[in-house]
């Protein structure tokens, strides 16, 4: 005798309710934290990568369409802050949006640095929509080789 199992409608996708709940919570948080409706204000903002090397930390940020005049970078008490604004694109005369998915608005991102920084030698550049901030380690934060007697 072969047993026949039928799918119960509630067991088709046991994670469907969880996924739906996650989406709803995300939407609610965006609504609450979103301020002026800017995707950059309500979310974590532009994406950044932080890499630590032997003598420096390099921070790379995705900032398409942001001009260097619209950026501010500060380092204070071991925290790097990148803030700025990506302006909404201008529409041609007699045009209206059919769909817009680009993020624009004011943003601010802060990162606790993993080491003391030589603030006099910080370098920042913006090319092809990528911000690069190089934060050299302070002398006391660099690895030292200890001679054995």
Protein backbone atom coordinates (compact mmCIF):
# COMPACT_ATOMS: atom_id res chain seq x y z
CA UNK A 1 0.00 0.00 0.00
CA UNK A 2 1.36 3.38 -1.00
CA UNK A 3 0.60 6.28 1.30
CA UNK A 4 -0.62 9.40 -0.38
CA UNK A 5 0.16 12.77 1.16
CA UNK A 6 -1.66 15.86 0.11
CA UNK A 7 -0.25 19.32 0.62
CA UNK A 8 -1.98 21.32 3.26
CA UNK A 9 -2.55 24.91 2.01
CA UNK A 10 -0.80 26.40 5.05
CA UNK A 11 2.29 24.23 4.56
CA UNK A 12 3.02 25.14 0.95
CA UNK A 13 5.67 27.64 2.07
CA UNK A 14 6.26 27.60 5.81
CA UNK A 15 8.41 30.75 5.57
CA UNK A 16 5.92 32.86 3.61
CA UNK A 17 4.53 34.50 6.73
CA UNK A 18 8.03 35.22 8.02
CA UNK A 19 9.09 36.82 4.74
CA UNK A 20 5.89 38.86 4.65
CA UNK A 21 6.46 39.98 8.25
CA UNK A 22 10.07 40.98 7.48
CA UNK A 23 8.94 43.09 4.50
CA UNK A 24 6.24 44.81 6.56
CA UNK A 25 8.64 45.62 9.41
CA UNK A 26 11.16 46.99 6.90
CA UNK A 27 8.50 49.17 5.29
CA UNK A 28 7.36 50.46 8.68
CA UNK A 29 10.91 51.29 9.74
CA UNK A 30 11.52 53.12 6.47
CA UNK A 31 8.32 55.11 7.04
CA UNK A 32 9.28 55.97 10.62
CA UNK A 33 12.95 56.74 9.97
CA UNK A 34 12.56 58.07 6.46
CA UNK A 35 12.08 61.73 7.28
CA UNK A 36 11.40 63.49 4.00
CA UNK A 37 10.79 60.24 2.17
CA UNK A 38 14.39 60.01 1.04
CA UNK A 39 15.63 56.44 0.68
CA UNK A 40 19.04 57.65 1.87
CA UNK A 41 17.63 59.29 4.98
CA UNK A 42 15.52 56.35 6.09
CA UNK A 43 17.96 53.60 5.30
CA UNK A 44 21.57 53.22 6.22
CA UNK A 45 22.43 55.56 3.36
CA UNK A 46 24.99 54.93 0.69
CA UNK A 47 26.97 51.71 0.94
CA UNK A 48 30.53 51.70 2.27
CA UNK A 49 33.34 49.16 2.49
CA UNK A 50 36.06 49.48 5.14
CA UNK A 51 39.37 47.61 4.84
CA UNK A 52 42.18 47.65 7.36
CA UNK A 53 45.73 47.23 6.11
CA UNK A 54 49.01 47.15 8.00
CA UNK A 55 49.57 50.92 8.03
CA UNK A 56 46.17 52.37 7.10
CA UNK A 57 42.45 51.90 6.84
CA UNK A 58 40.74 52.50 3.49
CA UNK A 59 37.07 53.45 3.28
CA UNK A 60 35.27 53.18 -0.07
CA UNK A 61 31.78 54.62 -0.51
CA UNK A 62 29.33 54.30 -3.39
CA UNK A 63 28.18 57.86 -4.12
CA UNK A 64 26.93 58.00 -7.72
CA UNK A 65 25.84 61.47 -8.74
CA UNK A 66 27.26 63.17 -5.64
CA UNK A 67 29.61 66.09 -6.22
CA UNK A 68 32.60 66.69 -3.96
CA UNK A 69 31.13 70.10 -3.09
CA UNK A 70 28.15 68.27 -1.57
CA UNK A 71 30.29 66.07 0.73
CA UNK A 72 31.71 66.67 4.20
CA UNK A 73 34.21 64.30 5.84
CA UNK A 74 35.20 64.62 9.49
CA UNK A 75 37.26 62.62 11.96
CA UNK A 76 36.68 63.26 15.65
CA UNK A 77 37.34 61.10 18.71
CA UNK A 78 38.05 58.01 16.62
CA UNK A 79 34.91 58.32 14.49
CA UNK A 80 34.88 58.98 10.74
CA UNK A 81 31.72 60.70 9.51
CA UNK A 82 30.81 61.12 5.85
CA UNK A 83 27.79 63.29 5.20
CA UNK A 84 26.35 65.02 2.19
CA UNK A 85 23.51 65.26 -0.23
CA UNK A 86 22.62 63.66 -3.52
CA UNK A 87 20.30 65.99 -5.34
CA UNK A 88 17.31 64.69 -7.27
CA UNK A 89 17.83 64.73 -11.03
CA UNK A 90 16.12 67.55 -12.87
CA UNK A 91 13.26 66.68 -15.18
CA UNK A 92 13.12 68.16 -18.66
CA UNK A 93 10.34 70.68 -19.24
CA UNK A 94 6.89 69.09 -19.75
CA UNK A 95 8.09 65.73 -18.39
CA UNK A 96 6.85 63.73 -15.44
CA UNK A 97 8.24 60.69 -13.70
CA UNK A 98 6.80 57.35 -14.76
CA UNK A 99 9.03 55.53 -12.29
CA UNK A 100 11.91 56.64 -10.10
CA UNK A 101 14.09 54.31 -8.05
CA UNK A 102 17.18 56.44 -7.58
CA UNK A 103 18.01 57.45 -4.04
CA UNK A 104 18.46 61.12 -3.26
CA UNK A 105 18.49 63.36 -0.25
CA UNK A 106 20.66 64.07 2.75
CA UNK A 107 22.75 61.29 4.29
CA UNK A 108 25.25 60.83 7.09
CA UNK A 109 27.28 57.72 7.88
CA UNK A 110 29.64 57.28 10.83
CA UNK A 111 32.25 54.59 11.43
CA UNK A 112 34.20 53.88 14.59
CA UNK A 113 37.81 53.56 13.48
CA UNK A 114 39.70 50.45 14.60
CA UNK A 115 42.84 52.44 15.47
CA UNK A 116 44.23 55.90 16.16
CA UNK A 117 44.62 57.96 12.98
CA UNK A 118 47.36 60.31 11.79
CA UNK A 119 44.86 63.10 11.12
CA UNK A 120 47.41 65.29 9.32
CA UNK A 121 47.80 62.76 6.51
CA UNK A 122 44.21 61.68 5.77
CA UNK A 123 43.53 61.65 2.03
CA UNK A 124 40.14 61.66 0.29
CA UNK A 125 39.28 61.44 -3.40
CA UNK A 126 36.09 61.08 -5.44
CA UNK A 127 36.23 59.43 -8.86
CA UNK A 128 33.56 57.71 -10.95
CA UNK A 129 31.05 57.88 -8.11
CA UNK A 130 33.35 56.20 -5.58
CA UNK A 131 34.65 58.05 -2.54
CA UNK A 132 38.00 56.80 -1.25
CA UNK A 133 39.23 57.89 2.18
CA UNK A 134 42.68 56.71 3.27
CA UNK A 135 43.26 56.95 7.02
CA UNK A 136 46.91 56.30 7.94
CA UNK A 137 47.46 54.72 11.32
CA UNK A 138 49.07 56.89 13.96
CA UNK A 139 52.58 55.79 14.93
CA UNK A 140 51.35 54.26 18.21
CA UNK A 141 48.78 52.15 16.32
CA UNK A 142 51.22 50.69 13.80
CA UNK A 143 52.70 47.27 14.41
CA UNK A 144 56.20 47.36 15.87
CA UNK A 145 58.88 44.75 15.53
CA UNK A 146 60.57 44.09 18.83
CA UNK A 147 64.22 43.09 18.72
CA UNK A 148 65.15 40.15 20.89
CA UNK A 149 68.33 40.56 22.94
